[in-house]
Protein backbone atom coordinates (compact mmCIF):
# COMPACT_ATOMS: atom_id res chain seq x y z
CA SER A 1 29.49 8.77 -3.68
CA SER A 2 29.66 10.22 -7.05
CA SER A 3 28.59 7.15 -8.91
CA GLY A 4 25.62 6.66 -6.53
CA GLY A 5 24.51 10.38 -7.03
CA GLY A 6 24.67 9.75 -10.87
CA GLY A 7 22.31 6.70 -10.37
CA VAL A 8 19.75 8.88 -8.34
CA GLU A 9 19.78 11.38 -10.95
CA GLY A 10 19.25 8.94 -13.70
CA ALA A 11 16.27 7.34 -11.71
CA GLY A 12 14.79 10.52 -10.81
CA GLY A 13 15.17 12.07 -14.42
CA ALA A 14 16.83 15.28 -13.19
CA ALA A 15 19.03 17.45 -15.12
CA GLY A 16 21.53 20.12 -14.07
CA GLY A 17 23.41 17.66 -11.96
CA VAL A 18 21.17 17.46 -8.84
CA ASP A 19 23.13 15.52 -6.15
CA TRP A 20 20.38 13.73 -4.26
CA SER A 21 22.29 12.40 -1.48
CA ARG A 22 23.36 15.96 -0.49
CA VAL A 23 19.68 17.19 -0.93
CA LEU A 24 18.42 14.60 1.33
CA ALA A 25 21.30 14.86 3.75
CA ALA A 26 20.43 18.78 3.89
CA ALA A 27 16.74 18.19 4.64
CA LEU A 28 17.44 15.58 7.12
CA ALA A 29 20.06 17.63 9.30
CA PRO A 30 17.79 19.51 11.59
CA HIS A 31 15.76 16.56 12.48
CA GLY A 32 18.46 14.25 14.05
CA PRO A 33 19.70 11.00 13.02
CA LEU A 34 17.85 8.85 10.62
CA GLN A 35 15.99 6.01 12.03
CA VAL A 36 14.12 4.00 9.43
CA VAL A 37 13.15 4.49 5.83
CA ALA A 38 10.26 3.20 3.59
CA ALA A 39 9.38 3.67 0.00
CA SER A 40 6.33 3.51 -2.13
CA GLY A 41 6.25 4.58 -5.90
CA GLN A 42 7.78 8.16 -5.88
CA TYR A 43 7.54 8.58 -2.43
CA LEU A 44 10.19 8.15 0.11
CA ALA A 45 9.52 8.17 3.93
CA VAL A 46 12.22 8.83 6.52
CA GLY A 47 11.59 8.61 10.03
CA THR A 48 13.96 10.71 12.25
CA ALA A 49 15.20 10.69 16.02
CA SER A 50 13.14 13.91 16.70
CA GLY A 51 9.87 12.14 16.08
CA SER A 52 9.32 13.96 12.87
CA THR A 53 8.80 11.86 9.54
CA LEU A 54 9.92 13.58 6.35
CA VAL A 55 8.20 12.44 3.17
CA PHE A 56 9.91 13.08 -0.14
CA GLN A 57 8.24 12.92 -3.36
CA LEU A 58 10.78 12.55 -5.98
CA PRO A 59 10.37 13.54 -9.73
CA GLN A 60 9.09 11.05 -12.18
CA PRO A 61 11.62 8.79 -14.17
CA GLN A 62 11.63 10.37 -17.79
CA GLN A 63 12.33 9.15 -21.27
CA GLY A 64 14.83 11.04 -23.30
CA SER A 65 16.92 14.22 -22.09
CA ALA A 66 14.08 16.61 -21.06
CA ALA A 67 14.77 18.53 -17.80
CA ALA A 68 13.02 17.30 -14.88
CA ALA A 69 11.85 21.11 -14.33
CA ALA A 70 10.11 20.80 -17.62
CA GLN A 71 7.78 17.91 -16.74
CA PRO A 72 4.60 18.29 -14.88
CA ALA A 73 5.13 16.85 -11.27
CA GLY A 74 3.68 13.50 -11.09
CA GLY A 75 2.94 11.12 -8.25
CA LEU A 76 2.31 7.31 -7.83
CA ALA A 77 0.00 6.14 -10.71
CA GLY A 78 -3.46 6.96 -10.12
CA HIS A 79 -2.74 8.94 -6.77
CA PRO A 80 -2.77 12.87 -6.66
CA ASN A 81 0.35 14.68 -5.61
CA PRO A 82 0.22 16.13 -1.96
CA ALA A 83 1.01 19.93 -1.84
CA GLY A 84 1.39 22.40 1.03
CA GLY A 85 0.47 21.87 4.44
CA HIS A 86 2.48 20.21 7.33
CA GLY A 87 5.90 22.08 6.56
CA HIS A 88 5.85 21.67 2.73
CA SER A 89 9.17 22.35 1.12
CA ALA A 90 9.93 22.58 -2.48
CA LEU A 91 13.52 20.99 -3.31
CA PRO A 92 15.85 21.20 -6.32
CA GLY A 93 14.97 18.87 -9.55
CA GLY A 94 11.17 19.13 -8.95
CA ALA A 95 11.06 17.20 -5.71
CA GLY A 96 8.77 18.07 -2.70
CA MET A 97 9.35 17.38 1.09
CA TRP A 98 6.59 17.46 3.73
CA GLN A 99 7.10 17.11 7.42
CA LEU A 100 4.63 14.75 9.50
CA GLY A 101 4.29 14.67 13.47
CA GLU A 102 5.52 18.05 14.16
CA GLY A 103 4.29 19.25 17.27
CA LEU A 104 2.71 16.11 18.46
CA GLY A 105 5.17 15.57 21.00
CA VAL A 106 6.04 12.24 19.82
CA ASP A 107 9.72 10.55 20.20
CA ALA A 108 11.71 8.69 17.72
CA VAL A 109 10.27 7.04 14.81
CA THR A 110 10.91 3.44 14.90
CA CYS A 111 8.76 1.94 12.19
CA LEU A 112 7.20 3.00 8.99
CA GLY A 113 4.50 1.21 6.78
CA PHE A 114 2.89 2.28 3.30
CA SER A 115 -0.12 0.96 2.27
CA MET A 116 -0.52 -0.84 -1.20
CA VAL A 117 -2.20 1.14 -4.18
CA ALA A 118 -3.76 -1.57 -6.35
CA ALA A 119 -5.63 0.61 -8.73
CA ALA A 120 -6.13 4.19 -9.73
CA GLY A 121 -7.57 6.55 -7.37
CA GLU A 122 -6.95 4.62 -4.45
CA PRO A 123 -5.45 6.50 -1.60
CA LEU A 124 -1.85 5.99 -0.08
CA TRP A 125 -1.77 5.85 3.62
CA LEU A 126 1.52 5.93 5.76
CA ALA A 127 1.71 4.28 9.34
CA VAL A 128 4.33 5.77 11.59
CA GLY A 129 5.13 3.93 14.82
CA HIS A 130 7.23 5.61 17.75
CA GLY A 131 9.41 4.37 20.46
CA SER A 132 6.77 5.31 23.01
CA GLY A 133 4.48 3.06 21.23
CA ALA A 134 2.52 6.05 19.84
CA LEU A 135 1.07 5.00 16.18
CA THR A 136 -0.14 7.43 13.69
CA VAL A 137 -1.76 6.83 10.29
CA TRP A 138 -1.44 9.50 7.71
CA GLU A 139 -3.01 9.89 4.21
CA LEU A 140 -0.87 11.64 1.36
CA GLN A 141 -3.47 13.75 -0.71
CA ARG A 142 -3.47 16.74 -2.88
CA ARG A 143 -4.35 19.28 -0.15
CA GLY A 144 -1.58 18.09 2.06
CA PRO A 145 -0.94 14.96 4.14
CA ARG A 146 -3.88 14.36 6.46
CA GLN A 147 -3.67 12.52 9.93
CA VAL A 148 -6.27 9.66 9.47
CA ALA A 149 -5.88 8.31 12.95
CA GLY A 150 -3.83 8.24 16.44
CA ILE A 151 -3.82 4.39 17.70
CA ALA A 152 -2.91 3.79 21.47
CA GLN A 153 -2.79 0.17 21.72
CA HIS A 154 0.84 -0.15 22.48
CA GLY A 155 3.00 0.68 25.48
CA SER A 156 6.42 -0.10 24.09
CA ARG A 157 8.41 0.57 21.01
CA ILE A 158 6.45 -0.26 17.81
CA THR A 159 8.73 -2.76 15.85
CA LEU A 160 6.17 -3.21 12.77
CA ALA A 161 3.43 -1.55 11.06
CA SER A 162 2.21 -3.45 7.95
CA PHE A 163 -1.02 -3.01 6.00
CA LEU A 164 -2.33 -6.35 4.63
CA PRO A 165 -1.53 -6.03 0.74
CA SER A 166 -4.88 -7.29 -0.39
CA ARG A 167 -6.99 -4.92 1.74
CA GLY A 168 -5.62 -1.47 0.62
CA THR A 169 -5.97 0.75 3.81
CA SER A 170 -8.74 -1.09 5.59
CA LEU A 171 -6.47 -3.56 7.60
CA LEU A 172 -3.15 -2.55 9.61
CA LEU A 173 -1.04 -4.98 11.84
CA SER A 174 0.92 -3.56 14.41
CA GLY A 175 3.57 -5.17 17.02
CA ASP A 176 6.03 -3.92 19.72
CA ALA A 177 8.87 -4.85 21.50
CA ARG A 178 6.72 -6.63 24.48
CA GLY A 179 5.12 -8.84 21.94
CA ARG A 180 1.73 -7.33 21.66
CA LEU A 181 0.43 -7.65 18.16
CA CYS A 182 -2.85 -5.85 17.24
CA LEU A 183 -4.97 -5.95 14.09
CA HIS A 184 -6.71 -2.57 13.37
CA SER A 185 -9.68 -2.20 11.10
CA PHE A 186 -10.56 1.15 9.30
CA SER A 187 -13.82 2.33 8.21
CA SER A 188 -15.47 5.56 7.04
CA LEU A 189 -18.62 7.12 8.39
CA LEU A 190 -19.95 10.61 7.79
CA LEU A 191 -16.41 11.85 6.25
CA ARG A 192 -14.47 10.52 9.52
CA THR A 193 -12.49 7.50 9.70
CA ASN A 194 -12.92 5.02 12.78
CA VAL A 195 -10.71 2.67 13.88
CA SER A 196 -11.48 -0.86 15.52
CA SER A 197 -8.62 -2.65 17.17
CA ARG A 198 -8.19 -6.52 18.22
CA VAL A 199 -5.33 -7.73 20.21
CA LEU A 200 -3.78 -11.04 18.41
CA ALA A 201 -1.13 -11.52 20.79
CA ASN A 202 -0.13 -10.18 24.33
CA GLY A 203 3.48 -11.23 24.75
CA GLN A 204 3.12 -14.92 25.01
CA TYR A 205 5.46 -15.11 21.80
CA GLY A 206 8.20 -12.69 22.84
CA ALA A 207 9.05 -9.55 20.92
CA ILE A 208 7.22 -9.07 17.26
CA LEU A 209 10.27 -8.14 15.19
CA GLY A 210 8.90 -8.47 11.74
CA ILE A 211 5.99 -10.03 9.31
CA ALA A 212 5.77 -11.53 6.01
CA HIS A 213 2.43 -11.69 4.09
CA LEU A 214 1.62 -14.76 2.56
CA VAL A 215 -0.85 -15.48 -0.42
CA PRO A 216 -4.25 -15.80 1.41
CA PHE A 217 -5.46 -19.19 1.41
CA THR A 218 -9.14 -18.26 0.20
CA LEU A 219 -7.37 -17.39 -3.12
CA PRO A 220 -7.75 -20.05 -5.79
CA ALA A 221 -4.51 -21.97 -6.80
CA PRO A 222 -3.12 -21.33 -10.32
CA GLY A 223 -4.99 -23.40 -12.77
CA ALA A 224 -7.66 -24.29 -10.31
CA THR A 225 -10.33 -22.02 -11.67
CA ALA A 226 -9.86 -23.56 -15.24
CA ALA A 227 -9.98 -26.97 -13.92
CA ALA A 228 -13.35 -26.10 -12.10
CA ALA A 229 -14.67 -24.67 -15.27
CA ALA A 230 -13.85 -27.65 -17.04
CA ALA A 231 -15.74 -29.96 -14.54
CA ALA A 232 -18.58 -27.55 -14.55
CA GLY A 233 -18.77 -28.08 -18.41
CA GLY A 234 -18.80 -31.89 -18.36
CA GLY A 235 -15.19 -32.45 -17.94
CA GLY A 236 -15.63 -35.32 -15.61
CA GLY A 237 -14.42 -36.44 -12.07
CA SER A 238 -11.18 -37.01 -13.12
CA GLY A 239 -10.92 -33.38 -14.29
CA GLY A 240 -12.40 -31.81 -10.93
CA GLY A 241 -9.89 -34.13 -9.18
CA ALA A 242 -6.90 -32.60 -10.93
CA GLY A 243 -8.41 -29.22 -10.27
CA ASP A 244 -8.39 -29.96 -6.50
CA ARG A 245 -4.97 -31.62 -6.54
CA GLY A 246 -3.86 -28.20 -8.34
């Protein structure tokens, strides 16, 4: 365990011998056994048996030997750090922790899913699924985590919650143990987030246990764009055919 702790220290850039395994264990102790884990950049989300989700923001990796405490706290590239609110706690080594879901009356966390931040300024969202079928979506922001939506489309244990990688925070897939698969579309109107849900499957395929995102078929294949440009510039039919085959 000591070697593992040293590896985490190196990754987090923390000086002073911070043992991250002990720090995380102490933070998790009041919330029951760990159920599920997800990570995005510097953010580590841990779902617990109590229904709370703990979001840790770990220090940035450092170049050189400067102490982590001397480095300004940084977040996911282009994303501001959350601070305060929802049970914010400062941890050793410049880390922070936020507790989500406290007081919502939810049961054990069974699924976590971060959105993908593709460009500076894009928000970072976290979907949290529970054993009862409850599904909540949070945004991590400077003023503290904010609940974006509560979705009531499932009546059994949430088994997956996955944002479509190419769509930022606009589309979320969720599935449950009874085979219900839903697609949720988010839109903003008058500073509020609206959710529209559509059922894609309702048990006919059995339990939904996981999902893998494939490259969208609408994207051009590698080399297809160059071939199309050559054809448009007089490359001839054979060039176009090669592009089609590519």
